Every structure is written in C-alpha cells, then in structure tokens.
Amino acid sequence: MNDKSTPLVSICIPTYNGETYIAKALESAIAQTYTNLEIVVSDDASTDNTLQIVATFKEKTAIPIKVYQHTPAGIGANWNHCVKQAQGNYIKFLFQDDVLEPHCIEIMMDLALKNPKVGLVYCKRSFLYNHLTSKIQEFVAYYGNLHTYWQDIKVEQGVLHGKSYLKDRQFLNSPKNKIGEPTAVLLKRACFDKVGYFNKALKQTLDCEFWYRVMKYYDMGFVNEALVKFRLHDAQASAINKQRPIPDKALLYKQYYKHLFWYLHPKNQLKLLKLYHPVFKGLVSLKQKWHAQK
C-alpha cells in the first residue's frame, strides 16, 4: 500500500515506440523504496507494443498506472501533456529507455522536503549502452559530470540558490545543459504553475531552458550520487556532439534575453545585448562592415 503520510510523487513517462526498454523502465519505477507514487504514461501514438507492455505492469503492482493517449505534436507537447495529467505534489520524469535506482525518489524527496525553497532536485547519472563505442566514450567523458562545469559556484551535495547558477560566468558556455536530462530531475509541481511548461518550439534544449527558468524563483538541490541510468545509443552520442552547433541556439538565447537577462553575469549580458538589442546589433554590424572594408 502507498504511504499517504508522504507527498504523492508522479513518475511521468512520455512514450513513443518504446517497446525495447519500457519494461526495464517500469520495473525500476515499481521497485522504488519511496511508496506514495503514481505512474503516468503519455503515449505519442506508438505503433509497436509499448502500450501492451505497460498494461501488463498494472497486474504487477499496487501503484496506480494511468495511461493517456496524446496526438503527436513534438516531444515538448508530450512532456507537457504527461505533467498535466499527473496528480502528484512532485514530478519525477522517467524516460522510456532509462532506469531509476531503487532509492532514487526516496533520496531526492528527502532533500526536497528538508528544504522547502527547493523547486528542483537533480543528481549524477550513470550510463547504459549496448556497445562502448568511441563516440559513446567521448560523450561520457564530456557530459559525465555536468555539475563540474560551473566556474563561480561549487556544486556539492546539498542546496544552492537558483540565481547563483544564473549568475555564473559559464552559464552560456558549453555544455548548455549543466543539470542533466529529465530522468535525472525531480520537480516540485508548483514550478509549472510558476514558470509555465516546456517550450514546445525548442527541440534539443527544451529541458535546460526549463531548468533555468526554475532557477529564477527556486533553490536547487543536488545529490552527488548516480541515482539514474541514462541510456546512450551510438547515433544519439553522435547527434549530441559538443562540436556541432545546436539548432535551438538562437531561440534558446532569445529566451534567456527575454526572461533571464537581469540575473546573468555582466559578461553574458553583453553577449546577449550584442545579439538582440537593436542598438548593440547596429554597432556590431557597423564594426563588421568596417573590418570588411579594411
């Protein structure tokens, strides 16, 4: 039976043709040591056996498993739909290829409940892969410890003010997402009421853009332990190569300019001004023309 004395946590699983690994994801969800849970699946019109596999788990657990159909409209739309169906006080994402360690939610919730100003808790990740290729090795080497890429703050086990992340000089630098994938994050439900939902116009950076909006209003909790396993495919590691330009970058920076500008380090403010403020853009254009004529 669920322990009703603790806040309800909704494990949100957006799915699309996930039959290969969805069973492992669900097994990790029902094995959680934190017991007041519901599982919310939002399916983007899968054409494989994803939903049939999900249905078999309803007989294996007392945890409520709720399944909702979603008309495909991009990954952000499905993430948002999943959250909107959830009833929990906290949202724990679990993507269909990934796995939670048994004590994941218990540890994250312990930190969250001891610090009421925390809106987001995140943790280190370990990685799952079928074959350790050179591309995956490169990915893990670069993206394995995202919390170490800040310059002015030292991220350790515990809590930091969200605005201290935004003020860091490394905020705009690579890697853009210094928090992690949604599977590595626990969110207070109130965050969505405060800052809105995931930006559906973004394709590759919609998660970190949302994390950084949360930082504007909430403290951030970090667990210095790999509580989740993020599955890597070779094609995926290639697609998220650190040397490649991010397709979302222009739109992402516009969001920072619009929503976060006054919280950023002056160096990063200047960079955004040169890109988006009409006066600064004009000066940059004149300078470029002057250099071209020399």
C-alpha atoms as a PDB file:
ATOM      1  CA  MET A   1       0.000   0.000   0.000  1.00  0.00           C
ATOM      2  CA  ASN A   2       1.110   3.566  -0.611  1.00  0.00           C
ATOM      3  CA  ASP A   3       2.268   5.607   2.385  1.00  0.00           C
ATOM      4  CA  LYS A   4      -0.177   8.517   2.347  1.00  0.00           C
ATOM      5  CA  SER A   5       1.754  10.385   5.054  1.00  0.00           C
ATOM      6  CA  THR A   6       4.305  11.489   2.441  1.00  0.00           C
ATOM      7  CA  PRO A   7       3.632  13.696  -0.612  1.00  0.00           C
ATOM      8  CA  LEU A   8       2.455  11.962  -3.759  1.00  0.00           C
ATOM      9  CA  VAL A   9       5.127  11.733  -6.453  1.00  0.00           C
ATOM     10  CA  SER A  10       4.061  11.259 -10.069  1.00  0.00           C
ATOM     11  CA  ILE A  11       6.511   9.258 -12.173  1.00  0.00           C
ATOM     12  CA  CYS A  12       5.907  10.751 -15.624  1.00  0.00           C
ATOM     13  CA  ILE A  13       6.839   8.564 -18.594  1.00  0.00           C
ATOM     14  CA  PRO A  14       6.331  10.077 -22.074  1.00  0.00           C
ATOM     15  CA  THR A  15       6.417   7.231 -24.597  1.00  0.00           C
ATOM     16  CA  TYR A  16       6.699   6.642 -28.319  1.00  0.00           C
ATOM     17  CA  ASN A  17       7.571   3.236 -29.801  1.00  0.00           C
ATOM     18  CA  GLY A  18       9.488   2.289 -26.682  1.00  0.00           C
ATOM     19  CA  GLU A  19       8.877  -1.457 -26.595  1.00  0.00           C
ATOM     20  CA  THR A  20      12.587  -2.333 -26.411  1.00  0.00           C
ATOM     21  CA  TYR A  21      13.279  -0.856 -22.984  1.00  0.00           C
ATOM     22  CA  ILE A  22       9.958   0.283 -21.461  1.00  0.00           C
ATOM     23  CA  ALA A  23       9.713  -2.853 -19.291  1.00  0.00           C
ATOM     24  CA  LYS A  24      13.060  -2.093 -17.651  1.00  0.00           C
ATOM     25  CA  ALA A  25      11.970   1.489 -17.015  1.00  0.00           C
ATOM     26  CA  LEU A  26       8.718   0.348 -15.404  1.00  0.00           C
ATOM     27  CA  GLU A  27      10.473  -2.333 -13.345  1.00  0.00           C
ATOM     28  CA  SER A  28      12.691   0.385 -11.894  1.00  0.00           C
ATOM     29  CA  ALA A  29       9.646   2.552 -11.167  1.00  0.00           C
ATOM     30  CA  ILE A  30       7.722  -0.088  -9.221  1.00  0.00           C
ATOM     31  CA  ALA A  31      10.887  -1.066  -7.305  1.00  0.00           C
ATOM     32  CA  GLN A  32      11.191   2.375  -5.660  1.00  0.00           C
ATOM     33  CA  THR A  33      11.653   2.448  -1.887  1.00  0.00           C
ATOM     34  CA  TYR A  34       9.543   5.620  -1.769  1.00  0.00           C
ATOM     35  CA  THR A  35       5.998   4.280  -1.810  1.00  0.00           C
ATOM     36  CA  ASN A  36       3.480   7.101  -2.317  1.00  0.00           C
ATOM     37  CA  LEU A  37       3.615   7.023  -6.097  1.00  0.00           C
ATOM     38  CA  GLU A  38       1.562   7.072  -9.244  1.00  0.00           C
ATOM     39  CA  ILE A  39       2.859   6.279 -12.723  1.00  0.00           C
ATOM     40  CA  VAL A  40       1.598   8.469 -15.565  1.00  0.00           C
ATOM     41  CA  VAL A  41       2.232   7.359 -19.147  1.00  0.00           C
ATOM     42  CA  SER A  42       1.521   9.745 -22.027  1.00  0.00           C
ATOM     43  CA  ASP A  43       1.840   7.914 -25.324  1.00  0.00           C
ATOM     44  CA  ASP A  44       2.518   9.707 -28.617  1.00  0.00           C
ATOM     45  CA  ALA A  45       0.613   7.254 -30.874  1.00  0.00           C
ATOM     46  CA  SER A  46       3.029   4.324 -30.632  1.00  0.00           C
ATOM     47  CA  THR A  47       2.728   1.736 -33.388  1.00  0.00           C
ATOM     48  CA  ASP A  48       4.647  -1.020 -31.574  1.00  0.00           C
ATOM     49  CA  ASN A  49       3.874  -2.967 -28.375  1.00  0.00           C
ATOM     50  CA  THR A  50       4.671  -0.182 -25.910  1.00  0.00           C
ATOM     51  CA  LEU A  51       1.153   0.130 -24.503  1.00  0.00           C
ATOM     52  CA  GLN A  52       0.621  -3.628 -24.339  1.00  0.00           C
ATOM     53  CA  ILE A  53       3.772  -3.935 -22.238  1.00  0.00           C
ATOM     54  CA  VAL A  54       2.640  -1.083 -19.980  1.00  0.00           C
ATOM     55  CA  ALA A  55      -0.719  -2.837 -19.483  1.00  0.00           C
ATOM     56  CA  THR A  56       0.980  -5.978 -18.135  1.00  0.00           C
ATOM     57  CA  PHE A  57       2.505  -3.954 -15.303  1.00  0.00           C
ATOM     58  CA  LYS A  58      -0.891  -2.970 -13.929  1.00  0.00           C
ATOM     59  CA  GLU A  59      -1.165  -6.554 -12.672  1.00  0.00           C
ATOM     60  CA  LYS A  60       2.302  -6.488 -11.090  1.00  0.00           C
ATOM     61  CA  THR A  61       1.961  -3.524  -8.738  1.00  0.00           C
ATOM     62  CA  ALA A  62      -0.443  -1.709  -6.438  1.00  0.00           C
ATOM     63  CA  ILE A  63       0.965   1.589  -7.707  1.00  0.00           C
ATOM     64  CA  PRO A  64      -1.669   3.249  -9.917  1.00  0.00           C
ATOM     65  CA  ILE A  65      -0.589   3.245 -13.571  1.00  0.00           C
ATOM     66  CA  LYS A  66      -2.529   5.738 -15.662  1.00  0.00           C
ATOM     67  CA  VAL A  67      -2.188   5.744 -19.442  1.00  0.00           C
ATOM     68  CA  TYR A  68      -3.162   8.668 -21.657  1.00  0.00           C
ATOM     69  CA  GLN A  69      -3.149   8.996 -25.430  1.00  0.00           C
ATOM     70  CA  HIS A  70      -1.573  12.086 -26.949  1.00  0.00           C
ATOM     71  CA  THR A  71      -1.818  13.364 -30.504  1.00  0.00           C
ATOM     72  CA  PRO A  72       1.785  13.826 -31.703  1.00  0.00           C
ATOM     73  CA  ALA A  73       2.856  17.470 -31.724  1.00  0.00           C
ATOM     74  CA  GLY A  74       6.550  17.289 -30.811  1.00  0.00           C
ATOM     75  CA  ILE A  75       8.331  15.948 -27.748  1.00  0.00           C
ATOM     76  CA  GLY A  76       7.677  19.047 -25.648  1.00  0.00           C
ATOM     77  CA  ALA A  77       3.934  18.729 -26.168  1.00  0.00           C
ATOM     78  CA  ASN A  78       4.001  15.133 -24.928  1.00  0.00           C
ATOM     79  CA  TRP A  79       6.114  16.033 -21.885  1.00  0.00           C
ATOM     80  CA  ASN A  80       3.659  18.800 -21.023  1.00  0.00           C
ATOM     81  CA  HIS A  81       0.659  16.520 -21.534  1.00  0.00           C
ATOM     82  CA  CYS A  82       2.186  13.962 -19.191  1.00  0.00           C
ATOM     83  CA  VAL A  83       2.717  16.557 -16.448  1.00  0.00           C
ATOM     84  CA  LYS A  84      -0.795  17.954 -16.851  1.00  0.00           C
ATOM     85  CA  GLN A  85      -2.314  14.514 -16.204  1.00  0.00           C
ATOM     86  CA  ALA A  86      -0.245  13.997 -13.052  1.00  0.00           C
ATOM     87  CA  GLN A  87      -1.817  14.428  -9.612  1.00  0.00           C
ATOM     88  CA  GLY A  88       1.384  14.457  -7.562  1.00  0.00           C
ATOM     89  CA  ASN A  89       2.913  17.210  -5.460  1.00  0.00           C
ATOM     90  CA  TYR A  90       6.207  16.333  -7.140  1.00  0.00           C
ATOM     91  CA  ILE A  91       7.027  15.259 -10.693  1.00  0.00           C
ATOM     92  CA  LYS A  92       9.706  12.639 -11.359  1.00  0.00           C
ATOM     93  CA  PHE A  93      10.420  12.142 -15.037  1.00  0.00           C
ATOM     94  CA  LEU A  94      11.473   8.724 -16.259  1.00  0.00           C
ATOM     95  CA  PHE A  95      12.092   8.337 -19.970  1.00  0.00           C
ATOM     96  CA  GLN A  96      11.253   5.061 -21.663  1.00  0.00           C
ATOM     97  CA  ASP A  97      14.878   3.997 -22.250  1.00  0.00           C
ATOM     98  CA  ASP A  98      16.152   4.935 -18.791  1.00  0.00           C
ATOM     99  CA  VAL A  99      16.233   3.384 -15.323  1.00  0.00           C
ATOM    100  CA  LEU A 100      15.892   4.663 -11.753  1.00  0.00           C
ATOM    101  CA  GLU A 101      17.950   3.201  -8.920  1.00  0.00           C
ATOM    102  CA  PRO A 102      15.631   1.757  -6.217  1.00  0.00           C
ATOM    103  CA  HIS A 103      16.324   4.552  -3.707  1.00  0.00           C
ATOM    104  CA  CYS A 104      16.270   7.381  -6.289  1.00  0.00           C
ATOM    105  CA  ILE A 105      12.988   9.052  -5.373  1.00  0.00           C
ATOM    106  CA  GLU A 106      13.437   8.472  -1.631  1.00  0.00           C
ATOM    107  CA  ILE A 107      16.791  10.285  -1.588  1.00  0.00           C
ATOM    108  CA  MET A 108      15.613  13.122  -3.838  1.00  0.00           C
ATOM    109  CA  MET A 109      12.443  13.625  -1.807  1.00  0.00           C
ATOM    110  CA  ASP A 110      14.387  13.621   1.455  1.00  0.00           C
ATOM    111  CA  LEU A 111      16.453  16.563   0.210  1.00  0.00           C
ATOM    112  CA  ALA A 112      13.394  18.346  -1.208  1.00  0.00           C
ATOM    113  CA  LEU A 113      11.301  18.015   1.951  1.00  0.00           C
ATOM    114  CA  LYS A 114      14.114  19.212   4.212  1.00  0.00           C
ATOM    115  CA  ASN A 115      14.464  22.348   2.062  1.00  0.00           C
ATOM    116  CA  PRO A 116      11.030  23.840   1.249  1.00  0.00           C
ATOM    117  CA  LYS A 117      12.507  26.533  -1.027  1.00  0.00           C
ATOM    118  CA  VAL A 118      13.919  23.880  -3.372  1.00  0.00           C
ATOM    119  CA  GLY A 119      11.968  23.588  -6.617  1.00  0.00           C
ATOM    120  CA  LEU A 120      14.267  21.193  -8.456  1.00  0.00           C
ATOM    121  CA  VAL A 121      16.466  18.328  -7.270  1.00  0.00           C
ATOM    122  CA  TYR A 122      18.932  16.722  -9.657  1.00  0.00           C
ATOM    123  CA  CYS A 123      21.544  14.002  -9.393  1.00  0.00           C
ATOM    124  CA  LYS A 124      24.522  12.488 -11.127  1.00  0.00           C
ATOM    125  CA  ARG A 125      23.861   9.877 -13.807  1.00  0.00           C
ATOM    126  CA  SER A 126      25.457   6.640 -14.874  1.00  0.00           C
ATOM    127  CA  PHE A 127      25.132   5.377 -18.432  1.00  0.00           C
ATOM    128  CA  LEU A 128      23.670   2.348 -20.166  1.00  0.00           C
ATOM    129  CA  TYR A 129      24.819   1.212 -23.613  1.00  0.00           C
ATOM    130  CA  ASN A 130      24.930  -1.967 -25.655  1.00  0.00           C
ATOM    131  CA  HIS A 131      28.417  -1.394 -27.041  1.00  0.00           C
ATOM    132  CA  LEU A 132      31.047   1.015 -25.734  1.00  0.00           C
ATOM    133  CA  THR A 133      31.978   2.757 -28.971  1.00  0.00           C
ATOM    134  CA  SER A 134      34.413   5.633 -29.341  1.00  0.00           C
ATOM    135  CA  LYS A 135      31.520   8.064 -29.788  1.00  0.00           C
ATOM    136  CA  ILE A 136      29.905   6.935 -26.549  1.00  0.00           C
ATOM    137  CA  GLN A 137      33.249   7.130 -24.740  1.00  0.00           C
ATOM    138  CA  GLU A 138      33.633  10.708 -25.944  1.00  0.00           C
ATOM    139  CA  PHE A 139      30.097  11.564 -24.831  1.00  0.00           C
ATOM    140  CA  VAL A 140      30.590  10.119 -21.338  1.00  0.00           C
ATOM    141  CA  ALA A 141      33.963  11.826 -20.933  1.00  0.00           C
ATOM    142  CA  TYR A 142      32.487  15.230 -21.761  1.00  0.00           C
ATOM    143  CA  TYR A 143      28.948  15.004 -20.368  1.00  0.00           C
ATOM    144  CA  GLY A 144      29.504  12.599 -17.485  1.00  0.00           C
ATOM    145  CA  ASN A 145      29.869  15.184 -14.704  1.00  0.00           C
ATOM    146  CA  LEU A 146      27.786  18.167 -15.758  1.00  0.00           C
ATOM    147  CA  HIS A 147      27.833  19.766 -12.300  1.00  0.00           C
ATOM    148  CA  THR A 148      31.580  20.446 -12.598  1.00  0.00           C
ATOM    149  CA  TYR A 149      31.259  22.916 -15.500  1.00  0.00           C
ATOM    150  CA  TRP A 150      30.315  25.943 -13.389  1.00  0.00           C
ATOM    151  CA  GLN A 151      33.039  28.475 -12.610  1.00  0.00           C
ATOM    152  CA  ASP A 152      31.865  30.763  -9.811  1.00  0.00           C
ATOM    153  CA  ILE A 153      29.850  28.243  -7.822  1.00  0.00           C
ATOM    154  CA  LYS A 154      30.925  24.879  -6.476  1.00  0.00           C
ATOM    155  CA  VAL A 155      28.123  22.365  -6.785  1.00  0.00           C
ATOM    156  CA  GLU A 156      28.259  19.811  -3.984  1.00  0.00           C
ATOM    157  CA  GLN A 157      25.739  17.627  -2.184  1.00  0.00           C
ATOM    158  CA  GLY A 158      23.068  19.987  -0.871  1.00  0.00           C
ATOM    159  CA  VAL A 159      21.323  23.204  -1.863  1.00  0.00           C
ATOM    160  CA  LEU A 160      22.282  26.400  -3.702  1.00  0.00           C
ATOM    161  CA  HIS A 161      20.226  29.453  -4.618  1.00  0.00           C
ATOM    162  CA  GLY A 162      18.939  29.126  -8.167  1.00  0.00           C
ATOM    163  CA  LYS A 163      20.031  32.648  -9.024  1.00  0.00           C
ATOM    164  CA  SER A 164      23.643  31.796  -8.184  1.00  0.00           C
ATOM    165  CA  TYR A 165      23.623  29.359 -11.118  1.00  0.00           C
ATOM    166  CA  LEU A 166      22.259  32.032 -13.445  1.00  0.00           C
ATOM    167  CA  LYS A 167      24.954  34.498 -12.336  1.00  0.00           C
ATOM    168  CA  ASP A 168      27.784  32.102 -13.122  1.00  0.00           C
ATOM    169  CA  ARG A 169      30.159  33.197 -15.888  1.00  0.00           C
ATOM    170  CA  GLN A 170      29.928  29.779 -17.543  1.00  0.00           C
ATOM    171  CA  PHE A 171      26.149  29.941 -17.911  1.00  0.00           C
ATOM    172  CA  LEU A 172      26.138  30.424 -21.705  1.00  0.00           C
ATOM    173  CA  ASN A 173      29.103  28.155 -22.375  1.00  0.00           C
ATOM    174  CA  SER A 174      29.082  24.502 -23.378  1.00  0.00           C
ATOM    175  CA  PRO A 175      27.649  22.199 -22.246  1.00  0.00           C
ATOM    176  CA  LYS A 176      24.411  24.179 -22.423  1.00  0.00           C
ATOM    177  CA  ASN A 177      22.635  21.746 -20.120  1.00  0.00           C
ATOM    178  CA  LYS A 178      24.647  21.607 -16.899  1.00  0.00           C
ATOM    179  CA  ILE A 179      21.820  19.980 -14.918  1.00  0.00           C
ATOM    180  CA  GLY A 180      21.015  16.847 -16.886  1.00  0.00           C
ATOM    181  CA  GLU A 181      18.288  15.031 -18.738  1.00  0.00           C
ATOM    182  CA  PRO A 182      14.720  14.947 -17.352  1.00  0.00           C
ATOM    183  CA  THR A 183      15.251  11.456 -15.912  1.00  0.00           C
ATOM    184  CA  ALA A 184      17.874  12.982 -13.579  1.00  0.00           C
ATOM    185  CA  VAL A 185      15.451  15.612 -12.227  1.00  0.00           C
ATOM    186  CA  LEU A 186      12.700  15.805  -9.586  1.00  0.00           C
ATOM    187  CA  LEU A 187      10.463  18.885  -9.737  1.00  0.00           C
ATOM    188  CA  LYS A 188       8.028  20.463  -7.331  1.00  0.00           C
ATOM    189  CA  ARG A 189       4.667  20.565  -9.096  1.00  0.00           C
ATOM    190  CA  ALA A 190       4.307  24.248  -8.166  1.00  0.00           C
ATOM    191  CA  CYS A 191       7.202  25.052 -10.536  1.00  0.00           C
ATOM    192  CA  PHE A 192       4.920  24.521 -13.520  1.00  0.00           C
ATOM    193  CA  ASP A 193       2.312  26.866 -12.071  1.00  0.00           C
ATOM    194  CA  LYS A 194       5.024  29.482 -11.513  1.00  0.00           C
ATOM    195  CA  VAL A 195       7.105  29.340 -14.703  1.00  0.00           C
ATOM    196  CA  GLY A 196       4.838  27.570 -17.196  1.00  0.00           C
ATOM    197  CA  TYR A 197       5.597  24.396 -19.119  1.00  0.00           C
ATOM    198  CA  PHE A 198       8.291  23.194 -21.511  1.00  0.00           C
ATOM    199  CA  ASN A 199       8.794  25.405 -24.560  1.00  0.00           C
ATOM    200  CA  LYS A 200       7.389  23.366 -27.451  1.00  0.00           C
ATOM    201  CA  ALA A 201       9.289  25.447 -30.018  1.00  0.00           C
ATOM    202  CA  LEU A 202      12.602  24.044 -28.762  1.00  0.00           C
ATOM    203  CA  LYS A 203      13.742  20.601 -29.885  1.00  0.00           C
ATOM    204  CA  GLN A 204      17.104  19.861 -28.267  1.00  0.00           C
ATOM    205  CA  THR A 205      17.323  22.312 -25.372  1.00  0.00           C
ATOM    206  CA  LEU A 206      13.774  22.454 -24.006  1.00  0.00           C
ATOM    207  CA  ASP A 207      14.818  20.686 -20.810  1.00  0.00           C
ATOM    208  CA  CYS A 208      17.652  23.011 -19.778  1.00  0.00           C
ATOM    209  CA  GLU A 209      15.682  26.100 -20.812  1.00  0.00           C
ATOM    210  CA  PHE A 210      13.016  24.990 -18.339  1.00  0.00           C
ATOM    211  CA  TRP A 211      15.542  24.189 -15.578  1.00  0.00           C
ATOM    212  CA  TYR A 212      16.986  27.696 -15.898  1.00  0.00           C
ATOM    213  CA  ARG A 213      13.547  29.305 -15.688  1.00  0.00           C
ATOM    214  CA  VAL A 214      13.007  27.426 -12.428  1.00  0.00           C
ATOM    215  CA  MET A 215      16.294  28.831 -11.073  1.00  0.00           C
ATOM    216  CA  LYS A 216      14.841  32.333 -11.242  1.00  0.00           C
ATOM    217  CA  TYR A 217      12.386  31.530  -8.444  1.00  0.00           C
ATOM    218  CA  TYR A 218      13.618  28.466  -6.542  1.00  0.00           C
ATOM    219  CA  ASP A 219      16.628  26.941  -4.848  1.00  0.00           C
ATOM    220  CA  MET A 220      18.270  23.910  -6.458  1.00  0.00           C
ATOM    221  CA  GLY A 221      19.130  20.653  -4.723  1.00  0.00           C
ATOM    222  CA  PHE A 222      21.941  18.378  -5.894  1.00  0.00           C
ATOM    223  CA  VAL A 223      22.524  14.735  -4.951  1.00  0.00           C
ATOM    224  CA  ASN A 224      26.138  13.748  -5.509  1.00  0.00           C
ATOM    225  CA  GLU A 225      25.235  10.170  -6.363  1.00  0.00           C
ATOM    226  CA  ALA A 226      24.227   8.454  -9.597  1.00  0.00           C
ATOM    227  CA  LEU A 227      20.568   7.725  -8.863  1.00  0.00           C
ATOM    228  CA  VAL A 228      19.552   7.206 -12.506  1.00  0.00           C
ATOM    229  CA  LYS A 229      20.853   5.336 -15.518  1.00  0.00           C
ATOM    230  CA  PHE A 230      20.635   7.229 -18.798  1.00  0.00           C
ATOM    231  CA  ARG A 231      20.674   5.032 -21.890  1.00  0.00           C
ATOM    232  CA  LEU A 232      23.006   6.029 -24.705  1.00  0.00           C
ATOM    233  CA  HIS A 233      22.774   4.934 -28.315  1.00  0.00           C
ATOM    234  CA  ASP A 234      25.674   5.466 -30.707  1.00  0.00           C
ATOM    235  CA  ALA A 235      23.569   7.601 -33.053  1.00  0.00           C
ATOM    236  CA  GLN A 236      22.442   9.693 -30.107  1.00  0.00           C
ATOM    237  CA  ALA A 237      26.002  10.280 -28.926  1.00  0.00           C
ATOM    238  CA  SER A 238      26.897  11.442 -32.425  1.00  0.00           C
ATOM    239  CA  ALA A 239      23.898  13.763 -32.648  1.00  0.00           C
ATOM    240  CA  ILE A 240      24.768  15.473 -29.364  1.00  0.00           C
ATOM    241  CA  ASN A 241      28.383  16.015 -30.320  1.00  0.00           C
ATOM    242  CA  LYS A 242      29.800  19.004 -28.457  1.00  0.00           C
ATOM    243  CA  GLN A 243      31.403  20.353 -31.623  1.00  0.00           C
ATOM    244  CA  ARG A 244      28.138  20.620 -33.541  1.00  0.00           C
ATOM    245  CA  PRO A 245      26.068  23.800 -33.477  1.00  0.00           C
ATOM    246  CA  ILE A 246      22.827  23.464 -31.529  1.00  0.00           C
ATOM    247  CA  PRO A 247      19.833  24.019 -33.847  1.00  0.00           C
ATOM    248  CA  ASP A 248      17.915  25.654 -30.988  1.00  0.00           C
ATOM    249  CA  LYS A 249      20.691  28.070 -30.035  1.00  0.00           C
ATOM    250  CA  ALA A 250      19.235  31.274 -31.487  1.00  0.00           C
ATOM    251  CA  LEU A 251      15.790  30.653 -29.996  1.00  0.00           C
ATOM    252  CA  LEU A 252      17.314  29.496 -26.704  1.00  0.00           C
ATOM    253  CA  TYR A 253      19.381  32.670 -26.350  1.00  0.00           C
ATOM    254  CA  LYS A 254      16.320  34.772 -27.166  1.00  0.00           C
ATOM    255  CA  GLN A 255      14.541  33.104 -24.253  1.00  0.00           C
ATOM    256  CA  TYR A 256      17.459  33.935 -21.971  1.00  0.00           C
ATOM    257  CA  TYR A 257      17.441  37.529 -23.197  1.00  0.00           C
ATOM    258  CA  LYS A 258      13.706  37.812 -22.612  1.00  0.00           C
ATOM    259  CA  HIS A 259      13.347  36.019 -19.278  1.00  0.00           C
ATOM    260  CA  LEU A 260      16.725  35.831 -17.516  1.00  0.00           C
ATOM    261  CA  PHE A 261      18.783  38.828 -18.679  1.00  0.00           C
ATOM    262  CA  TRP A 262      18.864  40.737 -15.372  1.00  0.00           C
ATOM    263  CA  TYR A 263      20.021  37.669 -13.440  1.00  0.00           C
ATOM    264  CA  LEU A 264      23.047  36.902 -15.629  1.00  0.00           C
ATOM    265  CA  HIS A 265      26.712  37.798 -15.230  1.00  0.00           C
ATOM    266  CA  PRO A 266      27.612  41.109 -16.996  1.00  0.00           C
ATOM    267  CA  LYS A 267      29.789  39.207 -19.471  1.00  0.00           C
ATOM    268  CA  ASN A 268      26.805  37.131 -20.543  1.00  0.00           C
ATOM    269  CA  GLN A 269      24.501  40.146 -20.544  1.00  0.00           C
ATOM    270  CA  LEU A 270      26.848  41.858 -23.001  1.00  0.00           C
ATOM    271  CA  LYS A 271      26.903  38.798 -25.232  1.00  0.00           C
ATOM    272  CA  LEU A 272      23.098  38.768 -25.398  1.00  0.00           C
ATOM    273  CA  LEU A 273      22.915  42.529 -25.944  1.00  0.00           C
ATOM    274  CA  LYS A 274      25.164  42.201 -28.988  1.00  0.00           C
ATOM    275  CA  LEU A 275      22.827  39.574 -30.381  1.00  0.00           C
ATOM    276  CA  TYR A 276      19.420  41.057 -29.648  1.00  0.00           C
ATOM    277  CA  HIS A 277      19.445  44.704 -28.554  1.00  0.00           C
ATOM    278  CA  PRO A 278      18.832  46.893 -31.651  1.00  0.00           C
ATOM    279  CA  VAL A 279      21.478  49.495 -30.726  1.00  0.00           C
ATOM    280  CA  PHE A 280      24.148  46.909 -29.944  1.00  0.00           C
ATOM    281  CA  LYS A 281      23.259  44.878 -33.034  1.00  0.00           C
ATOM    282  CA  GLY A 282      23.721  48.027 -35.120  1.00  0.00           C
ATOM    283  CA  LEU A 283      27.135  48.726 -33.600  1.00  0.00           C
ATOM    284  CA  VAL A 284      28.248  45.145 -34.184  1.00  0.00           C
ATOM    285  CA  SER A 285      27.080  45.365 -37.797  1.00  0.00           C
ATOM    286  CA  LEU A 286      28.972  48.632 -38.336  1.00  0.00           C
ATOM    287  CA  LYS A 287      32.119  47.152 -36.816  1.00  0.00           C
ATOM    288  CA  GLN A 288      31.905  44.118 -39.085  1.00  0.00           C
ATOM    289  CA  LYS A 289      31.457  46.321 -42.165  1.00  0.00           C
ATOM    290  CA  TRP A 290      34.399  48.490 -41.101  1.00  0.00           C
ATOM    291  CA  HIS A 291      36.655  45.450 -40.734  1.00  0.00           C
ATOM    292  CA  ALA A 292      35.472  44.115 -44.099  1.00  0.00           C
ATOM    293  CA  GLN A 293      36.495  47.364 -45.821  1.00  0.00           C
ATOM    294  CA  LYS A 294      39.984  47.472 -44.321  1.00  0.00           C
END
